[in-house]
Amino acid sequence: MIKYRESKISAHHNYLVNEMPTPGFVVGTPDKREGFYFLGDRVLPGESTPRISCRLLTKDSMDLLLELHWNRIQSNPQACVHLSIPGGFQITYPSGDIILEVRTQVFANGFLTRIKAKLYDEAGVLRIEPLGDSIRVYDAEEPILDSPYSTTL
């Protein structure tokens, strides 16, 4: 028996999530003031840069690692480093170990962003991990966004 999954592909920009092109996704609850979340927000026509916002926690102590808002570090108590790379950016520990990598590939008709990360929530539960060229997202809710995320981030 073949399993089918619905795909809501954007004609402009997609993230590769659970091995499927996805126009935007969210894991966790960005509206909370504390706790893990990861948002790959929808990218509107005329724009090419992915919109990554997140609150990442350390794996061992669940302390705040860093907060990003639209690809820029907002809070950085662990002194992580933001590096520009071809097609995107990396966030690394001061030691150089990669926490998050975001790369966007340009095609004739649009853009595809690939993310590499292994991220845990405040309970120490794995929420995002690498899956081939995509990420696997573990969430009880459907993570796909049909429109840009509306929040007070």
Protein backbone atom coordinates (compact mmCIF):
# COMPACT_ATOMS: atom_id res chain seq x y z
CA MET A 1 0.00 0.00 0.00
CA ILE A 2 1.34 3.44 -0.95
CA LYS A 3 1.02 6.27 1.55
CA TYR A 4 0.16 9.68 0.15
CA ARG A 5 0.99 13.00 1.76
CA GLU A 6 -0.58 16.30 0.85
CA SER A 7 1.83 18.97 -0.31
CA LYS A 8 0.97 22.67 -0.35
CA ILE A 9 3.81 23.81 -2.56
CA SER A 10 4.37 27.52 -3.14
CA ALA A 11 5.11 28.66 -6.68
CA HIS A 12 7.68 31.09 -5.25
CA HIS A 13 9.59 29.82 -2.19
CA ASN A 14 9.57 26.56 -0.21
CA TYR A 15 11.40 24.96 2.71
CA LEU A 16 12.27 21.26 2.50
CA VAL A 17 10.50 19.73 5.53
CA ASN A 18 9.76 16.03 6.07
CA GLU A 19 11.10 15.48 2.52
CA MET A 20 8.35 17.70 1.06
CA PRO A 21 8.51 21.28 -0.27
CA THR A 22 6.54 23.41 2.18
CA PRO A 23 5.82 27.15 1.83
CA GLY A 24 6.22 27.78 5.58
CA PHE A 25 6.18 25.85 8.85
CA VAL A 26 6.17 26.31 12.60
CA VAL A 27 7.18 24.00 15.45
CA GLY A 28 6.29 25.00 18.99
CA THR A 29 4.56 28.23 19.96
CA PRO A 30 6.29 31.48 18.94
CA ASP A 31 3.77 33.59 20.90
CA LYS A 32 5.03 32.31 24.26
CA ARG A 33 7.72 34.39 25.96
CA GLU A 34 9.74 31.29 26.88
CA GLY A 35 10.34 27.83 25.51
CA PHE A 36 11.41 26.37 22.20
CA TYR A 37 9.96 27.29 18.84
CA PHE A 38 11.15 27.30 15.23
CA LEU A 39 9.46 29.26 12.46
CA GLY A 40 10.25 29.07 8.76
CA ASP A 41 7.88 31.85 7.74
CA ARG A 42 6.36 32.19 4.30
CA VAL A 43 8.41 34.24 1.87
CA LEU A 44 6.32 36.56 -0.23
CA PRO A 45 6.74 37.08 -4.00
CA GLY A 46 9.43 39.66 -4.67
CA GLU A 47 11.51 38.40 -1.73
CA SER A 48 14.13 35.66 -1.82
CA THR A 49 15.53 35.43 1.70
CA PRO A 50 13.97 32.84 4.01
CA ARG A 51 12.49 34.18 7.23
CA ILE A 52 13.82 32.11 10.11
CA SER A 53 12.78 33.02 13.66
CA CYS A 54 13.41 30.72 16.60
CA ARG A 55 14.17 30.32 20.27
CA LEU A 56 16.76 27.58 20.72
CA LEU A 57 17.65 25.91 23.98
CA THR A 58 20.78 24.08 25.13
CA LYS A 59 20.35 20.31 24.94
CA ASP A 60 21.63 19.54 28.44
CA SER A 61 20.31 22.30 30.69
CA MET A 62 17.46 23.66 28.53
CA ASP A 63 18.81 27.18 29.07
CA LEU A 64 18.36 29.77 26.34
CA LEU A 65 20.93 29.23 23.63
CA LEU A 66 19.83 32.07 21.35
CA GLU A 67 16.87 33.81 19.77
CA LEU A 68 16.65 34.72 16.09
CA HIS A 69 14.12 37.03 14.50
CA TRP A 70 14.09 37.04 10.70
CA ASN A 71 17.63 35.58 10.53
CA ARG A 72 19.14 38.05 13.01
CA ILE A 73 20.27 37.22 16.52
CA GLN A 74 18.18 39.02 19.15
CA SER A 75 19.41 37.32 22.32
CA ASN A 76 22.66 35.38 22.58
CA PRO A 77 23.59 34.40 26.16
CA GLN A 78 25.83 31.52 24.99
CA ALA A 79 27.91 33.76 22.64
CA CYS A 80 26.97 31.84 19.48
CA VAL A 81 28.36 33.03 16.16
CA HIS A 82 26.31 34.03 13.07
CA LEU A 83 28.24 33.32 9.86
CA SER A 84 27.31 34.18 6.28
CA ILE A 85 27.77 31.27 3.89
CA PRO A 86 26.98 30.97 0.17
CA GLY A 87 23.20 30.99 -0.13
CA GLY A 88 22.49 31.50 3.55
CA PHE A 89 23.93 31.44 7.06
CA GLN A 90 25.13 29.25 9.91
CA ILE A 91 24.80 29.62 13.64
CA THR A 92 27.66 27.97 15.51
CA TYR A 93 28.80 27.51 19.09
CA PRO A 94 31.92 29.54 19.95
CA SER A 95 33.83 26.24 19.43
CA GLY A 96 32.75 26.24 15.76
CA ASP A 97 30.29 23.32 16.00
CA ILE A 98 27.23 24.02 13.86
CA ILE A 99 23.87 24.50 15.58
CA LEU A 100 21.84 25.63 12.57
CA GLU A 101 22.52 25.90 8.85
CA VAL A 102 20.15 27.58 6.38
CA ARG A 103 20.85 27.51 2.62
CA THR A 104 18.62 28.70 -0.19
CA GLN A 105 18.95 27.34 -3.69
CA VAL A 106 17.82 29.49 -6.62
CA PHE A 107 15.85 27.89 -9.45
CA ALA A 108 14.49 29.48 -12.62
CA ASN A 109 10.99 29.71 -11.13
CA GLY A 110 11.62 30.05 -7.40
CA PHE A 111 13.64 29.25 -4.31
CA LEU A 112 14.14 26.20 -2.06
CA THR A 113 15.57 26.54 1.44
CA ARG A 114 17.22 23.59 3.14
CA ILE A 115 17.80 23.59 6.89
CA LYS A 116 20.18 21.43 8.92
CA ALA A 117 19.70 21.28 12.67
CA LYS A 118 19.08 18.96 15.60
CA LEU A 119 16.90 20.87 18.06
CA TYR A 120 15.19 20.05 21.36
CA ASP A 121 12.31 21.65 23.24
CA GLU A 122 12.25 22.70 26.90
CA ALA A 123 11.35 19.14 28.00
CA GLY A 124 14.41 17.75 26.20
CA VAL A 125 12.25 16.20 23.45
CA LEU A 126 13.75 16.10 19.95
CA ARG A 127 11.66 18.40 17.72
CA ILE A 128 13.78 18.83 14.57
CA GLU A 129 16.51 16.64 13.12
CA PRO A 130 18.24 16.16 9.77
CA LEU A 131 16.48 13.88 7.26
CA GLY A 132 18.52 13.57 4.06
CA ASP A 133 18.51 17.02 2.43
CA SER A 134 15.54 18.10 4.55
CA ILE A 135 14.64 18.24 8.20
CA ARG A 136 12.24 15.97 10.05
CA VAL A 137 9.80 17.91 12.18
CA TYR A 138 8.14 16.29 15.18
CA ASP A 139 4.99 18.15 16.15
CA ALA A 140 1.47 17.15 17.15
CA GLU A 141 0.01 19.95 15.03
CA GLU A 142 0.22 20.31 11.26
CA PRO A 143 3.32 22.49 10.86
CA ILE A 144 2.49 23.93 7.41
CA LEU A 145 1.67 27.64 7.17
CA ASP A 146 -0.88 28.73 4.58
CA SER A 147 -0.07 32.42 5.11
CA PRO A 148 2.70 34.42 6.83
CA TYR A 149 2.77 33.87 10.59
CA SER A 150 1.07 36.70 12.45
CA THR A 151 2.66 37.37 15.82
CA THR A 152 4.23 39.99 18.01
CA LEU A 153 7.73 38.44 17.81
